[in-house]
């Protein structure tokens, strides 16, 4: 995500808490090989890939930067 790439992953807790299907990721059911293959085919679309990748980068910077993480730890320590 930080590199500006879309995510292709299983639609399971942890992953689907961070990425959103068709916004910055293509999620498929766990153990769904055809879903994975379809997701890989969709990633061939450069417009879709760049759009989702840009959104991934934005989410990573806003929510997972070192500054954001350290601020969260500092808030936790101070309260």
PDB file of N, CA and C in Angstrom:
ATOM      1  N   UNK A   1       0.829  -1.187   0.000  1.00  0.00           N
ATOM      2  CA  UNK A   1       0.000   0.000   0.000  1.00  0.00           C
ATOM      3  C   UNK A   1       0.869   1.245   0.000  1.00  0.00           C
ATOM      4  N   UNK A   2       1.913   1.262   0.811  1.00  0.00           N
ATOM      5  CA  UNK A   2       2.781   2.434   0.890  1.00  0.00           C
ATOM      6  C   UNK A   2       3.490   2.701  -0.434  1.00  0.00           C
ATOM      7  N   UNK A   3       3.634   1.674  -1.248  1.00  0.00           N
ATOM      8  CA  UNK A   3       4.281   1.820  -2.559  1.00  0.00           C
ATOM      9  C   UNK A   3       3.290   2.225  -3.639  1.00  0.00           C
ATOM     10  N   UNK A   4       2.035   2.449  -3.262  1.00  0.00           N
ATOM     11  CA  UNK A   4       1.028   2.860  -4.226  1.00  0.00           C
ATOM     12  C   UNK A   4       0.501   1.720  -5.069  1.00  0.00           C
ATOM     13  N   UNK A   5       0.448   0.540  -4.487  1.00  0.00           N
ATOM     14  CA  UNK A   5      -0.058  -0.626  -5.211  1.00  0.00           C
ATOM     15  C   UNK A   5      -1.383  -1.080  -4.611  1.00  0.00           C
ATOM     16  N   UNK A   6      -2.288  -1.579  -5.442  1.00  0.00           N
ATOM     17  CA  UNK A   6      -3.532  -2.121  -4.910  1.00  0.00           C
ATOM     18  C   UNK A   6      -3.253  -3.447  -4.214  1.00  0.00           C
ATOM     19  N   UNK A   7      -4.194  -3.880  -3.406  1.00  0.00           N
ATOM     20  CA  UNK A   7      -4.060  -5.125  -2.656  1.00  0.00           C
ATOM     21  C   UNK A   7      -4.936  -6.184  -3.314  1.00  0.00           C
ATOM     22  N   UNK A   8      -4.408  -7.380  -3.385  1.00  0.00           N
ATOM     23  CA  UNK A   8      -5.161  -8.546  -3.814  1.00  0.00           C
ATOM     24  C   UNK A   8      -5.053  -9.537  -2.672  1.00  0.00           C
ATOM     25  N   UNK A   9      -6.176  -9.824  -2.009  1.00  0.00           N
ATOM     26  CA  UNK A   9      -6.082 -10.668  -0.833  1.00  0.00           C
ATOM     27  C   UNK A   9      -7.388 -11.332  -0.462  1.00  0.00           C
ATOM     28  N   UNK A  10      -7.311 -12.215   0.525  1.00  0.00           N
ATOM     29  CA  UNK A  10      -8.486 -12.918   1.031  1.00  0.00           C
ATOM     30  C   UNK A  10      -9.373 -11.968   1.828  1.00  0.00           C
ATOM     31  N   UNK A  11     -10.659 -12.162   1.690  1.00  0.00           N
ATOM     32  CA  UNK A  11     -11.643 -11.356   2.412  1.00  0.00           C
ATOM     33  C   UNK A  11     -11.846 -11.960   3.798  1.00  0.00           C
ATOM     34  N   UNK A  12     -10.860 -11.709   4.674  1.00  0.00           N
ATOM     35  CA  UNK A  12     -10.899 -12.240   6.028  1.00  0.00           C
ATOM     36  C   UNK A  12     -10.611 -11.105   7.009  1.00  0.00           C
ATOM     37  N   UNK A  13     -11.040 -11.261   8.284  1.00  0.00           N
ATOM     38  CA  UNK A  13     -10.746 -10.226   9.283  1.00  0.00           C
ATOM     39  C   UNK A  13      -9.248  -9.955   9.357  1.00  0.00           C
ATOM     40  N   UNK A  14      -8.927  -8.727   9.578  1.00  0.00           N
ATOM     41  CA  UNK A  14      -7.531  -8.291   9.590  1.00  0.00           C
ATOM     42  C   UNK A  14      -7.212  -7.646   8.258  1.00  0.00           C
ATOM     43  N   UNK A  15      -7.415  -8.383   7.196  1.00  0.00           N
ATOM     44  CA  UNK A  15      -7.198  -7.810   5.856  1.00  0.00           C
ATOM     45  C   UNK A  15      -8.346  -6.881   5.509  1.00  0.00           C
ATOM     46  N   UNK A  16      -9.586  -7.357   5.652  1.00  0.00           N
ATOM     47  CA  UNK A  16     -10.721  -6.515   5.270  1.00  0.00           C
ATOM     48  C   UNK A  16     -11.006  -5.394   6.267  1.00  0.00           C
ATOM     49  N   UNK A  17     -10.258  -5.362   7.382  1.00  0.00           N
ATOM     50  CA  UNK A  17     -10.339  -4.223   8.294  1.00  0.00           C
ATOM     51  C   UNK A  17      -9.499  -3.053   7.792  1.00  0.00           C
ATOM     52  N   UNK A  18      -8.499  -3.363   6.981  1.00  0.00           N
ATOM     53  CA  UNK A  18      -7.563  -2.347   6.503  1.00  0.00           C
ATOM     54  C   UNK A  18      -7.870  -1.907   5.081  1.00  0.00           C
ATOM     55  N   UNK A  19      -8.218  -2.854   4.231  1.00  0.00           N
ATOM     56  CA  UNK A  19      -8.490  -2.531   2.830  1.00  0.00           C
ATOM     57  C   UNK A  19      -9.967  -2.725   2.533  1.00  0.00           C
ATOM     58  N   UNK A  20     -10.432  -2.031   1.528  1.00  0.00           N
ATOM     59  CA  UNK A  20     -11.838  -2.107   1.139  1.00  0.00           C
ATOM     60  C   UNK A  20     -11.937  -2.603  -0.292  1.00  0.00           C
ATOM     61  N   UNK A  21     -12.746  -3.648  -0.462  1.00  0.00           N
ATOM     62  CA  UNK A  21     -12.935  -4.245  -1.776  1.00  0.00           C
ATOM     63  C   UNK A  21     -13.423  -3.201  -2.785  1.00  0.00           C
ATOM     64  N   UNK A  22     -12.804  -3.181  -3.931  1.00  0.00           N
ATOM     65  CA  UNK A  22     -13.116  -2.302  -5.055  1.00  0.00           C
ATOM     66  C   UNK A  22     -12.799  -0.829  -4.787  1.00  0.00           C
ATOM     67  N   UNK A  23     -12.227  -0.528  -3.623  1.00  0.00           N
ATOM     68  CA  UNK A  23     -11.766   0.837  -3.349  1.00  0.00           C
ATOM     69  C   UNK A  23     -10.245   0.904  -3.487  1.00  0.00           C
ATOM     70  N   UNK A  24      -9.555   0.055  -2.758  1.00  0.00           N
ATOM     71  CA  UNK A  24      -8.102  -0.015  -2.889  1.00  0.00           C
ATOM     72  C   UNK A  24      -7.620  -1.465  -2.922  1.00  0.00           C
ATOM     73  N   UNK A  25      -8.576  -2.375  -3.107  1.00  0.00           N
ATOM     74  CA  UNK A  25      -8.233  -3.792  -3.103  1.00  0.00           C
ATOM     75  C   UNK A  25      -9.241  -4.603  -3.888  1.00  0.00           C
ATOM     76  N   UNK A  26      -8.802  -5.767  -4.264  1.00  0.00           N
ATOM     77  CA  UNK A  26      -9.704  -6.788  -4.773  1.00  0.00           C
ATOM     78  C   UNK A  26      -9.601  -7.950  -3.789  1.00  0.00           C
ATOM     79  N   UNK A  27     -10.698  -8.212  -3.111  1.00  0.00           N
ATOM     80  CA  UNK A  27     -10.742  -9.268  -2.113  1.00  0.00           C
ATOM     81  C   UNK A  27     -11.536 -10.450  -2.652  1.00  0.00           C
ATOM     82  N   UNK A  28     -11.093 -11.634  -2.323  1.00  0.00           N
ATOM     83  CA  UNK A  28     -11.777 -12.845  -2.743  1.00  0.00           C
ATOM     84  C   UNK A  28     -11.977 -13.731  -1.522  1.00  0.00           C
ATOM     85  N   UNK A  29     -12.930 -14.632  -1.599  1.00  0.00           N
ATOM     86  CA  UNK A  29     -13.217 -15.531  -0.479  1.00  0.00           C
ATOM     87  C   UNK A  29     -12.003 -16.378  -0.163  1.00  0.00           C
ATOM     88  N   UNK A  30     -11.834 -16.669   1.112  1.00  0.00           N
ATOM     89  CA  UNK A  30     -10.720 -17.496   1.555  1.00  0.00           C
ATOM     90  C   UNK A  30     -10.745 -18.844   0.828  1.00  0.00           C
ATOM     91  N   UNK A  31      -9.605 -19.275   0.345  1.00  0.00           N
ATOM     92  CA  UNK A  31      -9.440 -20.542  -0.385  1.00  0.00           C
ATOM     93  C   UNK A  31     -10.159 -20.572  -1.728  1.00  0.00           C
ATOM     94  N   UNK A  32     -10.510 -19.430  -2.276  1.00  0.00           N
ATOM     95  CA  UNK A  32     -11.200 -19.351  -3.567  1.00  0.00           C
ATOM     96  C   UNK A  32     -10.180 -19.089  -4.673  1.00  0.00           C
ATOM     97  N   UNK A  33      -9.696 -20.154  -5.272  1.00  0.00           N
ATOM     98  CA  UNK A  33      -8.659 -20.030  -6.298  1.00  0.00           C
ATOM     99  C   UNK A  33      -9.184 -19.266  -7.508  1.00  0.00           C
ATOM    100  N   UNK A  34     -10.421 -19.511  -7.916  1.00  0.00           N
ATOM    101  CA  UNK A  34     -10.964 -18.796  -9.073  1.00  0.00           C
ATOM    102  C   UNK A  34     -11.120 -17.307  -8.760  1.00  0.00           C
ATOM    103  N   UNK A  35     -11.421 -16.967  -7.515  1.00  0.00           N
ATOM    104  CA  UNK A  35     -11.487 -15.562  -7.119  1.00  0.00           C
ATOM    105  C   UNK A  35     -10.131 -14.890  -7.215  1.00  0.00           C
ATOM    106  N   UNK A  36      -9.092 -15.602  -6.826  1.00  0.00           N
ATOM    107  CA  UNK A  36      -7.727 -15.096  -6.958  1.00  0.00           C
ATOM    108  C   UNK A  36      -7.378 -14.877  -8.425  1.00  0.00           C
ATOM    109  N   UNK A  37      -7.698 -15.844  -9.262  1.00  0.00           N
ATOM    110  CA  UNK A  37      -7.404 -15.729 -10.693  1.00  0.00           C
ATOM    111  C   UNK A  37      -8.170 -14.554 -11.301  1.00  0.00           C
ATOM    112  N   UNK A  38      -9.441 -14.408 -10.940  1.00  0.00           N
ATOM    113  CA  UNK A  38     -10.234 -13.280 -11.445  1.00  0.00           C
ATOM    114  C   UNK A  38      -9.645 -11.951 -10.984  1.00  0.00           C
ATOM    115  N   UNK A  39      -9.180 -11.902  -9.733  1.00  0.00           N
ATOM    116  CA  UNK A  39      -8.548 -10.693  -9.220  1.00  0.00           C
ATOM    117  C   UNK A  39      -7.286 -10.345  -9.983  1.00  0.00           C
ATOM    118  N   UNK A  40      -6.488 -11.358 -10.281  1.00  0.00           N
ATOM    119  CA  UNK A  40      -5.275 -11.132 -11.071  1.00  0.00           C
ATOM    120  C   UNK A  40      -5.620 -10.620 -12.469  1.00  0.00           C
ATOM    121  N   UNK A  41      -6.677 -11.161 -13.062  1.00  0.00           N
ATOM    122  CA  UNK A  41      -7.121 -10.675 -14.374  1.00  0.00           C
ATOM    123  C   UNK A  41      -7.556  -9.218 -14.307  1.00  0.00           C
ATOM    124  N   UNK A  42      -8.286  -8.856 -13.237  1.00  0.00           N
ATOM    125  CA  UNK A  42      -8.718  -7.459 -13.087  1.00  0.00           C
ATOM    126  C   UNK A  42      -7.529  -6.516 -12.941  1.00  0.00           C
ATOM    127  N   UNK A  43      -6.463  -6.985 -12.316  1.00  0.00           N
ATOM    128  CA  UNK A  43      -5.276  -6.152 -12.117  1.00  0.00           C
ATOM    129  C   UNK A  43      -4.571  -5.831 -13.434  1.00  0.00           C
ATOM    130  N   UNK A  44      -4.946  -6.507 -14.520  1.00  0.00           N
ATOM    131  CA  UNK A  44      -4.384  -6.187 -15.828  1.00  0.00           C
ATOM    132  C   UNK A  44      -4.901  -4.847 -16.342  1.00  0.00           C
ATOM    133  N   UNK A  45      -6.019  -4.386 -15.783  1.00  0.00           N
ATOM    134  CA  UNK A  45      -6.609  -3.102 -16.171  1.00  0.00           C
ATOM    135  C   UNK A  45      -5.803  -1.984 -15.523  1.00  0.00           C
ATOM    136  N   UNK A  46      -5.011  -1.282 -16.328  1.00  0.00           N
ATOM    137  CA  UNK A  46      -4.083  -0.271 -15.793  1.00  0.00           C
ATOM    138  C   UNK A  46      -4.812   0.885 -15.108  1.00  0.00           C
ATOM    139  N   UNK A  47      -5.949   1.289 -15.628  1.00  0.00           N
ATOM    140  CA  UNK A  47      -6.697   2.399 -15.019  1.00  0.00           C
ATOM    141  C   UNK A  47      -7.190   1.991 -13.631  1.00  0.00           C
ATOM    142  N   UNK A  48      -7.750   0.801 -13.537  1.00  0.00           N
ATOM    143  CA  UNK A  48      -8.224   0.297 -12.248  1.00  0.00           C
ATOM    144  C   UNK A  48      -7.064   0.138 -11.280  1.00  0.00           C
ATOM    145  N   UNK A  49      -5.974  -0.439 -11.755  1.00  0.00           N
ATOM    146  CA  UNK A  49      -4.801  -0.673 -10.915  1.00  0.00           C
ATOM    147  C   UNK A  49      -4.217   0.634 -10.385  1.00  0.00           C
ATOM    148  N   UNK A  50      -4.095   1.630 -11.239  1.00  0.00           N
ATOM    149  CA  UNK A  50      -3.540   2.915 -10.796  1.00  0.00           C
ATOM    150  C   UNK A  50      -4.484   3.640  -9.852  1.00  0.00           C
ATOM    151  N   UNK A  51      -5.773   3.568 -10.104  1.00  0.00           N
ATOM    152  CA  UNK A  51      -6.755   4.206  -9.220  1.00  0.00           C
ATOM    153  C   UNK A  51      -6.730   3.575  -7.835  1.00  0.00           C
ATOM    154  N   UNK A  52      -6.781   2.245  -7.776  1.00  0.00           N
ATOM    155  CA  UNK A  52      -6.741   1.553  -6.492  1.00  0.00           C
ATOM    156  C   UNK A  52      -5.395   1.751  -5.808  1.00  0.00           C
ATOM    157  N   UNK A  53      -4.328   1.770  -6.583  1.00  0.00           N
ATOM    158  CA  UNK A  53      -2.996   1.981  -6.016  1.00  0.00           C
ATOM    159  C   UNK A  53      -2.854   3.352  -5.393  1.00  0.00           C
ATOM    160  N   UNK A  54      -3.407   4.368  -6.042  1.00  0.00           N
ATOM    161  CA  UNK A  54      -3.370   5.721  -5.482  1.00  0.00           C
ATOM    162  C   UNK A  54      -4.132   5.803  -4.177  1.00  0.00           C
ATOM    163  N   UNK A  55      -5.262   5.142  -4.130  1.00  0.00           N
ATOM    164  CA  UNK A  55      -6.063   5.135  -2.899  1.00  0.00           C
ATOM    165  C   UNK A  55      -5.330   4.353  -1.796  1.00  0.00           C
ATOM    166  N   UNK A  56      -4.661   3.261  -2.167  1.00  0.00           N
ATOM    167  CA  UNK A  56      -3.879   2.500  -1.193  1.00  0.00           C
ATOM    168  C   UNK A  56      -2.796   3.369  -0.568  1.00  0.00           C
ATOM    169  N   UNK A  57      -2.099   4.111  -1.404  1.00  0.00           N
ATOM    170  CA  UNK A  57      -1.034   4.997  -0.918  1.00  0.00           C
ATOM    171  C   UNK A  57      -1.601   6.031   0.054  1.00  0.00           C
ATOM    172  N   UNK A  58      -2.720   6.620  -0.318  1.00  0.00           N
ATOM    173  CA  UNK A  58      -3.354   7.634   0.525  1.00  0.00           C
ATOM    174  C   UNK A  58      -3.731   7.053   1.889  1.00  0.00           C
ATOM    175  N   UNK A  59      -4.314   5.877   1.904  1.00  0.00           N
ATOM    176  CA  UNK A  59      -4.701   5.229   3.164  1.00  0.00           C
ATOM    177  C   UNK A  59      -3.475   4.900   4.003  1.00  0.00           C
ATOM    178  N   UNK A  60      -2.417   4.407   3.363  1.00  0.00           N
ATOM    179  CA  UNK A  60      -1.193   4.070   4.095  1.00  0.00           C
ATOM    180  C   UNK A  60      -0.582   5.309   4.744  1.00  0.00           C
ATOM    181  N   UNK A  61      -0.521   6.402   4.008  1.00  0.00           N
ATOM    182  CA  UNK A  61       0.071   7.634   4.548  1.00  0.00           C
ATOM    183  C   UNK A  61      -0.777   8.199   5.681  1.00  0.00           C
ATOM    184  N   UNK A  62      -2.090   8.188   5.499  1.00  0.00           N
ATOM    185  CA  UNK A  62      -2.983   8.763   6.504  1.00  0.00           C
ATOM    186  C   UNK A  62      -3.079   7.922   7.772  1.00  0.00           C
ATOM    187  N   UNK A  63      -2.965   6.613   7.655  1.00  0.00           N
ATOM    188  CA  UNK A  63      -3.258   5.742   8.795  1.00  0.00           C
ATOM    189  C   UNK A  63      -2.095   4.917   9.316  1.00  0.00           C
ATOM    190  N   UNK A  64      -1.055   4.730   8.530  1.00  0.00           N
ATOM    191  CA  UNK A  64      -0.010   3.806   8.936  1.00  0.00           C
ATOM    192  C   UNK A  64       1.392   4.389   8.850  1.00  0.00           C
ATOM    193  N   UNK A  65       1.509   5.691   8.756  1.00  0.00           N
ATOM    194  CA  UNK A  65       2.835   6.301   8.730  1.00  0.00           C
ATOM    195  C   UNK A  65       3.473   6.175  10.113  1.00  0.00           C
ATOM    196  N   UNK A  66       4.787   6.304  10.168  1.00  0.00           N
ATOM    197  CA  UNK A  66       5.468   6.214  11.467  1.00  0.00           C
ATOM    198  C   UNK A  66       4.993   7.327  12.399  1.00  0.00           C
ATOM    199  N   UNK A  67       4.757   8.523  11.869  1.00  0.00           N
ATOM    200  CA  UNK A  67       4.274   9.631  12.699  1.00  0.00           C
ATOM    201  C   UNK A  67       2.909   9.294  13.299  1.00  0.00           C
ATOM    202  N   UNK A  68       2.026   8.753  12.499  1.00  0.00           N
ATOM    203  CA  UNK A  68       0.698   8.380  12.983  1.00  0.00           C
ATOM    204  C   UNK A  68       0.806   7.292  14.050  1.00  0.00           C
ATOM    205  N   UNK A  69       1.646   6.301  13.807  1.00  0.00           N
ATOM    206  CA  UNK A  69       1.827   5.203  14.754  1.00  0.00           C
ATOM    207  C   UNK A  69       2.425   5.695  16.070  1.00  0.00           C
ATOM    208  N   UNK A  70       3.474   6.506  15.991  1.00  0.00           N
ATOM    209  CA  UNK A  70       4.107   7.031  17.200  1.00  0.00           C
ATOM    210  C   UNK A  70       3.151   7.927  17.981  1.00  0.00           C
ATOM    211  N   UNK A  71       2.352   8.713  17.284  1.00  0.00           N
ATOM    212  CA  UNK A  71       1.365   9.559  17.962  1.00  0.00           C
ATOM    213  C   UNK A  71       0.359   8.707  18.729  1.00  0.00           C
ATOM    214  N   UNK A  72      -0.054   7.599  18.120  1.00  0.00           N
ATOM    215  CA  UNK A  72      -0.973   6.688  18.798  1.00  0.00           C
ATOM    216  C   UNK A  72      -0.368   6.089  20.048  1.00  0.00           C
ATOM    217  N   UNK A  73       0.905   5.679  19.960  1.00  0.00           N
ATOM    218  CA  UNK A  73       1.590   5.144  21.143  1.00  0.00           C
ATOM    219  C   UNK A  73       1.733   6.210  22.218  1.00  0.00           C
ATOM    220  N   UNK A  74       2.076   7.425  21.827  1.00  0.00           N
ATOM    221  CA  UNK A  74       2.219   8.507  22.782  1.00  0.00           C
ATOM    222  C   UNK A  74       0.911   8.797  23.494  1.00  0.00           C
ATOM    223  N   UNK A  75      -0.181   8.827  22.745  1.00  0.00           N
ATOM    224  CA  UNK A  75      -1.512   9.014  23.359  1.00  0.00           C
ATOM    225  C   UNK A  75      -1.815   7.902  24.352  1.00  0.00           C
ATOM    226  N   UNK A  76      -1.470   6.680  23.981  1.00  0.00           N
ATOM    227  CA  UNK A  76      -1.716   5.543  24.857  1.00  0.00           C
ATOM    228  C   UNK A  76      -0.915   5.651  26.150  1.00  0.00           C
ATOM    229  N   UNK A  77       0.327   6.046  26.033  1.00  0.00           N
ATOM    230  CA  UNK A  77       1.200   6.181  27.207  1.00  0.00           C
ATOM    231  C   UNK A  77       0.727   7.316  28.118  1.00  0.00           C
ATOM    232  N   UNK A  78       0.305   8.419  27.538  1.00  0.00           N
ATOM    233  CA  UNK A  78      -0.088   9.590  28.311  1.00  0.00           C
ATOM    234  C   UNK A  78      -1.475   9.472  28.939  1.00  0.00           C
ATOM    235  N   UNK A  79      -2.224   8.494  28.574  1.00  0.00           N
ATOM    236  CA  UNK A  79      -3.574   8.369  29.150  1.00  0.00           C
ATOM    237  C   UNK A  79      -3.623   7.149  29.937  1.00  0.00           C
TER     238      UNK A  79
END
